[in-house]
C-alpha cells in the first residue's frame, strides 16, 4: 500500500492550511531524536524503582506505579527535572517538524507534548506566540488565561494550546493512568475546561495529528476527547501522521490497510511515516 496520502488528499490539506482552516496536533514523534521516547523513560524508571509487572515500556502504567509507591506528584516532578537537561531541536533544519509547522499561516497549534518546542519555533519565525494550558484539574482551574479577555489568535499572534500540560507546571501534566481518566471525565463534565475559542477550532477546521502511534494511550484519549467535536463539525476531512507498526512487512501492510480503512470511516486520512518525512513533503507541497 502507499506510504503517503494521494494527490487529492494533499490538495485538500494544503488548501485548508492556506485558508487558515487547519489545526495541527503535535505528539511525541514530532520530537523524535531530541527527547527520549516514553518507552525509554518507562524502562529506566521500571528498573530503578523495581516495577513488578511485564509492561515496563508503558510510561503511563509505570508512572501510575510511581504515583502509588511515592505520591501523585513524584513522577510529574521527575519529568520536569528531566526536561531541564534536554537540548532543543535543530530549528535550522528546513525539514524539522516544528520549523515547518511554524512557517504555516495558522493561528492555533495544539500539543499533547510537555515541551516548549512549538512556541520556540514560532518565535524564531518572528511570530508573537502565546502559550495556554488546558485547566483540567482543580489546581489549574483558577489560573488566569490570556484567552479570557477576548484575545483572538492570528497567524502573526498564534496560540500554542497544551492539552496535556506543560513541563514547567508539574501539576498540569497528564501522565498517570489516573490523570488520563480524570482528564477525560473532567472535560466531559465541564465543557468550559476547553476554552470556546479552542472548541471552535476543533469543530471548524481540519485537524492534523502529527507524531502519534496507534498504540499510544494519549492518542486514543485524544481521539476520544475530540470525538464529540469532530462529530458535530462540518464533516471536514482530518489527517493523521502515524508511525507504522513494528511488525513483519506482511503483517505491517495488513495492519496499515485495516487501520487506514478504519480511520477513513471517521474522516481521518492516514499518512504512514515519521513526522520528519511528512514535514519534508508538506514543505514541498506548500511551495508548489
Protein backbone atom coordinates (compact mmCIF):
# COMPACT_ATOMS: atom_id res chain seq x y z
CA UNK A 1 0.00 0.00 0.00
CA UNK A 2 1.10 3.61 -0.42
CA UNK A 3 3.02 5.13 2.46
CA UNK A 4 1.63 8.55 1.72
CA UNK A 5 -1.56 10.45 1.05
CA UNK A 6 -2.78 10.66 -2.53
CA UNK A 7 -2.76 13.89 -4.53
CA UNK A 8 -6.41 14.58 -3.76
CA UNK A 9 -5.78 14.30 -0.01
CA UNK A 10 -2.72 16.53 -0.23
CA UNK A 11 -4.71 19.07 -2.24
CA UNK A 12 -7.39 19.25 0.46
CA UNK A 13 -4.83 19.58 3.26
CA UNK A 14 -2.74 22.25 1.53
CA UNK A 15 -5.82 24.33 0.67
CA UNK A 16 -7.12 24.13 4.25
CA UNK A 17 -3.73 25.35 5.50
CA UNK A 18 -3.72 28.24 3.04
CA UNK A 19 -7.27 29.11 4.13
CA UNK A 20 -6.14 29.05 7.81
CA UNK A 21 -8.66 26.25 8.39
CA UNK A 22 -6.24 23.65 9.78
CA UNK A 23 -5.26 22.92 13.40
CA UNK A 24 -2.11 20.82 13.96
CA UNK A 25 -1.89 18.47 16.96
CA UNK A 26 1.66 17.51 17.95
CA UNK A 27 2.56 14.17 19.54
CA UNK A 28 5.83 12.74 20.82
CA UNK A 29 7.02 11.72 17.35
CA UNK A 30 7.47 15.40 16.48
CA UNK A 31 10.37 15.42 18.97
CA UNK A 32 11.97 12.15 17.84
CA UNK A 33 15.74 12.24 18.23
CA UNK A 34 15.63 15.21 20.61
CA UNK A 35 13.63 13.92 23.57
CA UNK A 36 13.70 10.29 24.77
CA UNK A 37 10.72 8.15 23.87
CA UNK A 38 8.22 7.45 26.61
CA UNK A 39 9.16 3.77 26.48
CA UNK A 40 12.79 4.60 27.30
CA UNK A 41 11.79 6.73 30.30
CA UNK A 42 9.44 3.99 31.47
CA UNK A 43 12.11 1.30 31.23
CA UNK A 44 14.57 3.46 33.16
CA UNK A 45 12.04 4.06 35.93
CA UNK A 46 10.92 0.42 35.95
CA UNK A 47 14.49 -0.74 36.58
CA UNK A 48 15.29 2.00 39.10
CA UNK A 49 12.13 1.55 41.17
CA UNK A 50 11.62 -2.23 40.69
CA UNK A 51 8.39 -2.11 38.72
CA UNK A 52 6.81 -5.56 39.19
CA UNK A 53 4.72 -6.00 36.02
CA UNK A 54 5.70 -7.06 32.49
CA UNK A 55 4.76 -3.85 30.66
CA UNK A 56 7.88 -1.93 31.70
CA UNK A 57 7.88 0.13 28.48
CA UNK A 58 4.42 1.60 29.22
CA UNK A 59 5.14 5.06 30.62
CA UNK A 60 1.57 5.65 31.79
CA UNK A 61 1.49 2.38 33.75
CA UNK A 62 4.95 2.84 35.24
CA UNK A 63 4.14 6.45 36.19
CA UNK A 64 0.99 5.18 37.91
CA UNK A 65 3.13 2.72 39.89
CA UNK A 66 5.44 5.54 41.00
CA UNK A 67 2.46 7.69 41.94
CA UNK A 68 1.24 4.91 44.24
CA UNK A 69 4.67 3.99 45.60
CA UNK A 70 5.76 7.60 46.23
CA UNK A 71 2.96 10.15 45.73
CA UNK A 72 0.92 11.51 42.80
CA UNK A 73 3.32 14.38 42.11
CA UNK A 74 6.53 12.33 42.18
CA UNK A 75 6.58 11.13 38.53
CA UNK A 76 5.48 14.54 37.29
CA UNK A 77 8.24 16.32 39.18
CA UNK A 78 10.71 13.77 37.82
CA UNK A 79 9.59 14.60 34.27
CA UNK A 80 10.02 18.34 34.91
CA UNK A 81 13.56 17.79 36.22
CA UNK A 82 14.36 15.51 33.28
CA UNK A 83 13.23 18.09 30.72
CA UNK A 84 15.57 20.72 32.16
CA UNK A 85 18.56 18.86 30.75
CA UNK A 86 17.37 18.33 27.17
CA UNK A 87 18.53 20.29 24.15
CA UNK A 88 16.24 21.96 21.61
CA UNK A 89 15.59 20.66 18.09
CA UNK A 90 17.75 21.91 15.23
CA UNK A 91 15.50 24.72 14.03
CA UNK A 92 17.96 25.46 11.21
CA UNK A 93 17.00 22.15 9.55
CA UNK A 94 14.42 23.03 6.84
CA UNK A 95 12.59 19.72 7.43
CA UNK A 96 12.46 19.92 11.25
CA UNK A 97 8.74 19.37 12.04
CA UNK A 98 8.31 22.33 14.42
CA UNK A 99 10.03 24.68 11.97
CA UNK A 100 7.85 23.52 9.06
CA UNK A 101 4.66 23.88 11.11
CA UNK A 102 5.73 27.31 12.41
CA UNK A 103 6.14 28.52 8.82
CA UNK A 104 2.48 27.81 8.04
CA UNK A 105 -0.12 30.62 8.11
CA UNK A 106 -2.06 29.19 11.07
CA UNK A 107 -3.43 30.87 14.23
CA UNK A 108 -3.60 27.84 16.54
CA UNK A 109 -1.43 24.84 17.39
CA UNK A 110 -2.35 22.14 19.90
CA UNK A 111 0.15 19.80 21.53
CA UNK A 112 -0.07 16.84 23.87
CA UNK A 113 3.68 17.18 24.47
CA UNK A 114 5.04 18.86 27.58
CA UNK A 115 7.87 20.71 25.82
CA UNK A 116 8.21 24.30 24.66
CA UNK A 117 9.41 23.49 21.13
CA UNK A 118 6.38 24.65 19.12
CA UNK A 119 6.36 28.05 20.80
CA UNK A 120 10.12 28.46 20.31
CA UNK A 121 9.80 27.58 16.62
CA UNK A 122 7.08 30.19 16.17
CA UNK A 123 9.16 32.85 17.93
CA UNK A 124 12.06 32.08 15.60
CA UNK A 125 9.67 32.84 12.71
CA UNK A 126 9.10 36.29 14.28
CA UNK A 127 5.60 35.36 15.41
CA UNK A 128 4.36 36.61 18.78
CA UNK A 129 3.20 33.22 20.08
CA UNK A 130 1.26 32.72 23.32
CA UNK A 131 1.05 29.55 25.39
CA UNK A 132 -2.12 28.31 27.07
CA UNK A 133 -2.82 25.33 29.33
CA UNK A 134 -5.90 23.15 29.49
CA UNK A 135 -7.13 23.72 33.05
CA UNK A 136 -8.28 20.14 33.54
CA UNK A 137 -7.88 19.85 37.33
CA UNK A 138 -8.74 21.89 40.43
CA UNK A 139 -5.21 23.24 40.86
CA UNK A 140 -5.23 24.76 37.37
CA UNK A 141 -8.86 25.81 37.27
CA UNK A 142 -8.43 29.32 38.68
CA UNK A 143 -5.22 30.18 36.84
CA UNK A 144 -5.66 33.31 34.67
CA UNK A 145 -5.90 32.78 30.94
CA UNK A 146 -4.87 35.06 28.12
CA UNK A 147 -7.94 33.87 26.23
CA UNK A 148 -10.35 35.30 28.82
CA UNK A 149 -10.04 38.91 27.67
CA UNK A 150 -11.37 38.46 24.15
CA UNK A 151 -7.99 37.79 22.54
CA UNK A 152 -8.30 36.21 19.11
CA UNK A 153 -5.23 34.39 17.73
CA UNK A 154 -3.93 35.29 14.29
CA UNK A 155 -1.15 33.99 12.08
CA UNK A 156 1.09 36.76 13.47
CA UNK A 157 -0.07 36.16 17.07
CA UNK A 158 -0.74 32.41 17.26
CA UNK A 159 -1.62 30.35 20.34
CA UNK A 160 0.01 27.07 21.36
CA UNK A 161 -2.52 25.17 23.48
CA UNK A 162 -1.04 22.49 25.78
CA UNK A 163 -3.83 19.95 26.11
CA UNK A 164 -1.97 17.55 28.42
CA UNK A 165 0.19 20.02 30.31
CA UNK A 166 3.43 21.99 30.05
CA UNK A 167 6.63 20.84 31.75
CA UNK A 168 7.40 23.86 34.00
CA UNK A 169 3.98 23.34 35.67
CA UNK A 170 4.18 19.82 37.10
CA UNK A 171 0.56 19.97 38.29
CA UNK A 172 -0.62 20.39 34.70
CA UNK A 173 0.86 17.14 33.35
CA UNK A 174 -1.46 14.36 32.24
CA UNK A 175 0.87 11.43 32.88
CA UNK A 176 -0.51 8.56 35.00
CA UNK A 177 -3.48 6.27 34.38
CA UNK A 178 -5.45 8.26 36.97
CA UNK A 179 -4.56 11.51 35.20
CA UNK A 180 -5.88 10.27 31.86
CA UNK A 181 -9.13 9.07 33.42
CA UNK A 182 -9.58 12.30 35.39
CA UNK A 183 -8.82 14.34 32.27
CA UNK A 184 -11.49 12.56 30.23
CA UNK A 185 -14.09 12.76 32.97
CA UNK A 186 -13.43 16.39 33.82
CA UNK A 187 -13.55 17.77 30.28
CA UNK A 188 -16.71 15.78 29.54
CA UNK A 189 -18.45 17.06 32.68
CA UNK A 190 -17.27 20.67 32.48
CA UNK A 191 -17.35 21.90 28.91
CA UNK A 192 -15.59 25.20 29.69
CA UNK A 193 -12.31 23.44 30.54
CA UNK A 194 -11.68 23.64 26.78
CA UNK A 195 -11.96 27.38 26.00
CA UNK A 196 -14.69 28.25 23.46
CA UNK A 197 -12.10 29.61 21.03
CA UNK A 198 -10.31 26.24 21.07
CA UNK A 199 -13.59 24.34 20.77
CA UNK A 200 -14.49 26.33 17.65
CA UNK A 201 -11.18 25.32 16.07
CA UNK A 202 -11.90 21.66 16.85
CA UNK A 203 -15.28 21.81 15.12
CA UNK A 204 -14.49 24.30 12.36
CA UNK A 205 -11.10 23.25 10.99
CA UNK A 206 -9.32 20.24 9.56
CA UNK A 207 -7.33 18.55 12.33
CA UNK A 208 -3.79 17.40 11.55
CA UNK A 209 -2.32 14.89 14.03
CA UNK A 210 1.47 14.63 13.78
CA UNK A 211 3.79 12.26 15.63
CA UNK A 212 1.48 9.66 17.14
CA UNK A 213 1.45 5.87 17.24
CA UNK A 214 -1.68 3.75 17.03
CA UNK A 215 -0.92 2.07 20.36
CA UNK A 216 -0.29 5.33 22.26
CA UNK A 217 -2.69 5.87 25.12
CA UNK A 218 -2.54 9.62 24.67
CA UNK A 219 -3.59 9.29 21.01
CA UNK A 220 -6.58 7.15 21.93
CA UNK A 221 -7.52 9.53 24.73
CA UNK A 222 -7.07 12.45 22.33
CA UNK A 223 -9.43 10.94 19.75
CA UNK A 224 -11.94 10.09 22.47
CA UNK A 225 -11.84 13.60 23.93
CA UNK A 226 -12.19 15.17 20.48
CA UNK A 227 -14.84 12.80 19.11
CA UNK A 228 -17.81 14.94 20.12
CA UNK A 229 -16.27 18.00 18.45
CA UNK A 230 -15.39 16.07 15.29
CA UNK A 231 -18.89 14.58 15.11
CA UNK A 232 -20.52 17.99 15.47
CA UNK A 233 -18.20 19.58 12.92
CA UNK A 234 -18.95 20.29 9.29
CA UNK A 235 -17.60 16.93 8.07
CA UNK A 236 -14.21 18.17 7.03
CA UNK A 237 -11.56 15.56 6.41
CA UNK A 238 -8.89 15.19 9.07
CA UNK A 239 -5.35 13.82 8.76
CA UNK A 240 -3.04 11.76 10.98
CA UNK A 241 0.70 11.20 10.59
CA UNK A 242 1.23 7.84 12.30
CA UNK A 243 4.39 5.82 12.83
CA UNK A 244 3.99 2.42 11.12
CA UNK A 245 3.54 -0.53 13.50
CA UNK A 246 6.59 -2.66 14.31
CA UNK A 247 6.00 -5.99 12.58
CA UNK A 248 6.99 -8.03 9.56
CA UNK A 249 6.33 -6.36 6.21
CA UNK A 250 3.32 -8.62 5.51
CA UNK A 251 1.78 -8.07 8.96
CA UNK A 252 2.51 -4.34 8.85
CA UNK A 253 0.76 -3.99 5.49
CA UNK A 254 -2.32 -5.80 6.77
CA UNK A 255 -2.44 -3.67 9.91
CA UNK A 256 -1.99 -0.45 7.96
CA UNK A 257 -4.66 -1.41 5.42
CA UNK A 258 -7.14 -2.19 8.18
CA UNK A 259 -6.40 0.92 10.22
CA UNK A 260 -6.39 3.20 7.18
CA UNK A 261 -9.88 1.93 6.34
CA UNK A 262 -10.97 2.32 9.97
CA UNK A 263 -9.79 5.90 10.20
CA UNK A 264 -11.30 6.81 6.84
CA UNK A 265 -14.67 5.85 8.32
CA UNK A 266 -14.28 8.69 10.82
CA UNK A 267 -12.92 11.05 8.16
CA UNK A 268 -9.28 10.72 9.23
CA UNK A 269 -6.85 10.08 6.36
CA UNK A 270 -3.59 8.42 7.40
CA UNK A 271 -0.04 9.23 6.32
CA UNK A 272 2.16 6.33 7.41
CA UNK A 273 5.60 7.67 8.24
CA UNK A 274 7.64 9.85 10.55
CA UNK A 275 6.93 13.45 11.39
CA UNK A 276 10.12 14.46 9.57
CA UNK A 277 9.19 12.58 6.38
CA UNK A 278 5.76 14.20 6.40
CA UNK A 279 7.24 17.65 7.07
CA UNK A 280 9.60 17.32 4.11
CA UNK A 281 6.73 16.53 1.74
CA UNK A 282 4.41 19.15 3.24
CA UNK A 283 7.08 21.80 2.75
CA UNK A 284 7.40 20.85 -0.92
CA UNK A 285 3.64 20.76 -1.44
CA UNK A 286 3.15 24.17 0.15
CA UNK A 287 5.84 25.65 -2.11
CA UNK A 288 4.32 24.23 -5.29
